[in-house]
C-alpha atoms as a PDB file:
ATOM      1  CA  MET A   1       0.000   0.000   0.000  1.00  0.00           C
ATOM      2  CA  PHE A   2       1.190   3.531  -0.735  1.00  0.00           C
ATOM      3  CA  ARG A   3       0.727   6.835   1.044  1.00  0.00           C
ATOM      4  CA  GLU A   4       1.403  10.343  -0.197  1.00  0.00           C
ATOM      5  CA  LYS A   5       3.186  12.742   2.120  1.00  0.00           C
ATOM      6  CA  PHE A   6       3.111  16.491   1.555  1.00  0.00           C
ATOM      7  CA  ILE A   7       6.576  18.003   1.005  1.00  0.00           C
ATOM      8  CA  ALA A   8       5.959  21.649   0.119  1.00  0.00           C
ATOM      9  CA  LYS A   9       3.702  24.143  -1.585  1.00  0.00           C
ATOM     10  CA  VAL A  10       5.221  25.672  -4.728  1.00  0.00           C
ATOM     11  CA  PRO A  11       5.635  29.433  -4.189  1.00  0.00           C
ATOM     12  CA  GLU A  12       3.354  31.769  -6.116  1.00  0.00           C
ATOM     13  CA  SER A  13       6.378  33.387  -7.850  1.00  0.00           C
ATOM     14  CA  ILE A  14       7.307  30.076  -9.516  1.00  0.00           C
ATOM     15  CA  ILE A  15       3.701  29.427 -10.577  1.00  0.00           C
ATOM     16  CA  GLU A  16       3.390  32.945 -12.025  1.00  0.00           C
ATOM     17  CA  SER A  17       6.663  32.583 -13.966  1.00  0.00           C
ATOM     18  CA  ALA A  18       5.011  29.822 -16.033  1.00  0.00           C
ATOM     19  CA  HIS A  19       2.510  32.336 -17.514  1.00  0.00           C
ATOM     20  CA  PHE A  20      -0.632  30.241 -17.388  1.00  0.00           C
ATOM     21  CA  GLY A  21      -3.364  31.664 -19.604  1.00  0.00           C
ATOM     22  CA  LEU A  22      -7.128  31.628 -19.523  1.00  0.00           C
ATOM     23  CA  ARG A  23      -7.355  28.924 -22.159  1.00  0.00           C
ATOM     24  CA  SER A  24      -5.932  25.437 -22.440  1.00  0.00           C
ATOM     25  CA  TRP A  25      -2.182  25.266 -21.894  1.00  0.00           C
ATOM     26  CA  GLU A  26       0.827  22.975 -21.521  1.00  0.00           C
ATOM     27  CA  ARG A  27       3.826  23.978 -19.403  1.00  0.00           C
ATOM     28  CA  THR A  28       7.085  22.224 -18.572  1.00  0.00           C
ATOM     29  CA  PHE A  29       8.739  22.266 -15.150  1.00  0.00           C
ATOM     30  CA  ASN A  30      12.137  21.050 -14.014  1.00  0.00           C
ATOM     31  CA  ILE A  31      11.622  19.312 -10.665  1.00  0.00           C
ATOM     32  CA  ALA A  32      14.210  17.595  -8.463  1.00  0.00           C
ATOM     33  CA  CYS A  33      14.175  16.245  -4.921  1.00  0.00           C
ATOM     34  CA  TRP A  34      16.962  14.760  -2.774  1.00  0.00           C
ATOM     35  CA  VAL A  35      15.523  12.284  -0.274  1.00  0.00           C
ATOM     36  CA  ARG A  36      17.535  10.637   2.500  1.00  0.00           C
ATOM     37  CA  PHE A  37      16.187   7.519   4.239  1.00  0.00           C
ATOM     38  CA  ARG A  38      17.343   6.807   7.782  1.00  0.00           C
ATOM     39  CA  THR A  39      17.481   3.034   7.296  1.00  0.00           C
ATOM     40  CA  PRO A  40      18.079   1.243   3.993  1.00  0.00           C
ATOM     41  CA  ARG A  41      15.028  -0.877   3.236  1.00  0.00           C
ATOM     42  CA  PRO A  42      13.442  -2.054  -0.039  1.00  0.00           C
ATOM     43  CA  SER A  43      10.704   0.414  -0.944  1.00  0.00           C
ATOM     44  CA  HIS A  44       8.832   2.034  -3.846  1.00  0.00           C
ATOM     45  CA  VAL A  45       9.195   5.819  -3.993  1.00  0.00           C
ATOM     46  CA  ALA A  46       7.595   8.361  -6.368  1.00  0.00           C
ATOM     47  CA  LEU A  47       7.789  12.145  -6.596  1.00  0.00           C
ATOM     48  CA  MET A  48       4.386  13.670  -7.402  1.00  0.00           C
ATOM     49  CA  LEU A  49       3.234  17.119  -8.515  1.00  0.00           C
ATOM     50  CA  HIS A  50      -0.334  18.128  -7.593  1.00  0.00           C
ATOM     51  CA  TYR A  51      -1.978  21.223  -9.051  1.00  0.00           C
ATOM     52  CA  MET A  52      -5.400  22.818  -9.186  1.00  0.00           C
ATOM     53  CA  ASP A  53      -6.676  24.710 -12.231  1.00  0.00           C
ATOM     54  CA  ASP A  54     -10.130  25.663 -13.546  1.00  0.00           C
ATOM     55  CA  GLU A  55     -10.869  21.980 -14.271  1.00  0.00           C
ATOM     56  CA  GLY A  56     -10.070  20.794 -10.734  1.00  0.00           C
ATOM     57  CA  THR A  57      -7.257  19.013  -8.932  1.00  0.00           C
ATOM     58  CA  LYS A  58      -4.758  16.976 -10.967  1.00  0.00           C
ATOM     59  CA  ALA A  59      -1.651  14.924 -10.182  1.00  0.00           C
ATOM     60  CA  ALA A  60       1.355  13.974 -12.285  1.00  0.00           C
ATOM     61  CA  GLN A  61       4.205  11.623 -11.458  1.00  0.00           C
ATOM     62  CA  VAL A  62       7.587  13.323 -11.812  1.00  0.00           C
ATOM     63  CA  ASP A  63       9.877  10.331 -11.196  1.00  0.00           C
ATOM     64  CA  HIS A  64       9.874   6.983  -9.387  1.00  0.00           C
ATOM     65  CA  CYS A  65      12.211   4.221  -8.302  1.00  0.00           C
ATOM     66  CA  VAL A  66      12.479   1.067  -6.261  1.00  0.00           C
ATOM     67  CA  THR A  67      15.094   1.306  -3.537  1.00  0.00           C
ATOM     68  CA  GLU A  68      17.095  -1.653  -2.310  1.00  0.00           C
ATOM     69  CA  LEU A  69      19.832  -0.592   0.066  1.00  0.00           C
ATOM     70  CA  GLU A  70      20.182   3.045  -0.975  1.00  0.00           C
ATOM     71  CA  THR A  71      19.840   5.668   1.708  1.00  0.00           C
ATOM     72  CA  THR A  72      19.927   8.744  -0.569  1.00  0.00           C
ATOM     73  CA  LEU A  73      17.897   9.209  -3.751  1.00  0.00           C
ATOM     74  CA  LEU A  74      17.625  11.895  -6.388  1.00  0.00           C
ATOM     75  CA  LEU A  75      14.211  11.944  -8.057  1.00  0.00           C
ATOM     76  CA  SER A  76      14.068  14.383 -10.967  1.00  0.00           C
ATOM     77  CA  ALA A  77      12.649  15.083 -14.415  1.00  0.00           C
ATOM     78  CA  HIS A  78      11.345  17.694 -16.787  1.00  0.00           C
ATOM     79  CA  ILE A  79       7.593  17.197 -16.651  1.00  0.00           C
ATOM     80  CA  THR A  80       4.952  18.698 -18.933  1.00  0.00           C
ATOM     81  CA  ILE A  81       1.534  19.292 -17.413  1.00  0.00           C
ATOM     82  CA  ALA A  82      -1.666  20.366 -19.147  1.00  0.00           C
ATOM     83  CA  GLY A  83      -4.696  22.233 -17.926  1.00  0.00           C
ATOM     84  CA  LYS A  84      -7.123  25.065 -18.418  1.00  0.00           C
ATOM     85  CA  GLY A  85      -7.181  28.516 -16.889  1.00  0.00           C
ATOM     86  CA  ARG A  86      -5.191  29.847 -13.975  1.00  0.00           C
ATOM     87  CA  VAL A  87      -3.291  27.527 -11.631  1.00  0.00           C
ATOM     88  CA  LYS A  88      -4.616  28.216  -8.146  1.00  0.00           C
ATOM     89  CA  GLU A  89      -2.267  25.936  -6.244  1.00  0.00           C
ATOM     90  CA  MET A  90       0.687  23.637  -6.861  1.00  0.00           C
ATOM     91  CA  SER A  91       2.313  21.255  -4.347  1.00  0.00           C
ATOM     92  CA  VAL A  92       4.920  18.501  -4.298  1.00  0.00           C
ATOM     93  CA  TYR A  93       4.346  15.146  -2.576  1.00  0.00           C
ATOM     94  CA  LEU A  94       6.386  12.012  -1.981  1.00  0.00           C
ATOM     95  CA  LYS A  95       4.562   8.729  -2.507  1.00  0.00           C
ATOM     96  CA  VAL A  96       6.101   5.903  -0.447  1.00  0.00           C
ATOM     97  CA  ASP A  97       5.329   2.365   0.680  1.00  0.00           C
ATOM     98  CA  ASP A  98       3.608   2.092   4.045  1.00  0.00           C
ATOM     99  CA  ASN A  99       6.609   0.086   5.274  1.00  0.00           C
ATOM    100  CA  SER A 100       9.279   2.573   4.140  1.00  0.00           C
ATOM    101  CA  SER A 101      11.752   3.844   6.701  1.00  0.00           C
ATOM    102  CA  PRO A 102      11.580   7.447   7.970  1.00  0.00           C
ATOM    103  CA  TYR A 103      13.061   9.985   5.550  1.00  0.00           C
ATOM    104  CA  VAL A 104      14.181  13.585   5.242  1.00  0.00           C
ATOM    105  CA  VAL A 105      13.867  15.755   2.146  1.00  0.00           C
ATOM    106  CA  ASP A 106      17.277  17.439   1.889  1.00  0.00           C
ATOM    107  CA  GLU A 107      16.470  19.669  -1.077  1.00  0.00           C
ATOM    108  CA  LEU A 108      13.506  20.425  -3.326  1.00  0.00           C
ATOM    109  CA  TYR A 109      13.908  22.285  -6.615  1.00  0.00           C
ATOM    110  CA  VAL A 110      11.078  23.478  -8.905  1.00  0.00           C
ATOM    111  CA  GLN A 111      11.616  25.711 -11.940  1.00  0.00           C
ATOM    112  CA  SER A 112       9.375  26.703 -14.819  1.00  0.00           C
ATOM    113  CA  CYS A 113      11.070  26.012 -18.148  1.00  0.00           C
ATOM    114  CA  GLU A 114       9.597  29.163 -19.708  1.00  0.00           C
ATOM    115  CA  LYS A 115      12.343  31.353 -21.213  1.00  0.00           C
ATOM    116  CA  ASP A 116      11.903  34.316 -18.860  1.00  0.00           C
ATOM    117  CA  ALA A 117      11.613  32.121 -15.752  1.00  0.00           C
ATOM    118  CA  ILE A 118      15.369  31.462 -15.641  1.00  0.00           C
ATOM    119  CA  ALA A 119      15.921  34.430 -13.283  1.00  0.00           C
ATOM    120  CA  GLN A 120      13.226  33.276 -10.817  1.00  0.00           C
ATOM    121  CA  PRO A 121      14.088  31.544  -7.506  1.00  0.00           C
ATOM    122  CA  LYS A 122      14.118  27.769  -7.861  1.00  0.00           C
ATOM    123  CA  ILE A 123      14.870  26.123  -4.538  1.00  0.00           C
ATOM    124  CA  ILE A 124      11.750  25.707  -2.444  1.00  0.00           C
ATOM    125  CA  GLY A 125      13.528  24.259   0.549  1.00  0.00           C
ATOM    126  CA  ALA A 126      16.787  22.779   1.688  1.00  0.00           C
ATOM    127  CA  ALA A 127      17.629  21.042   4.954  1.00  0.00           C
END
């Protein structure tokens, strides 16, 4: 069984840098997360992006892996999401097995891949 754990809300400045319109859109984000497990244990792990637009709440998987004896993981990808209207909220979650060991998110990075978003802040949090 899996459970999703909230990591962080994406700041409004990063959402606004993607220039969501009033119509249908597709936008690409560069997302990365360093996760450190306290005890190595086999487990399924997935990084998820949740967002809410005019059509409702949606979720997209950014990256996933199956751990064996690793204690530190980097989950990352460029992910393209689609929607309609303004994005009201965007958050990042970690989806883990119920039996996974305790973990710490060392760093979370979210950046819009729009040309003028390069100058925007990217790191949401770092331990």
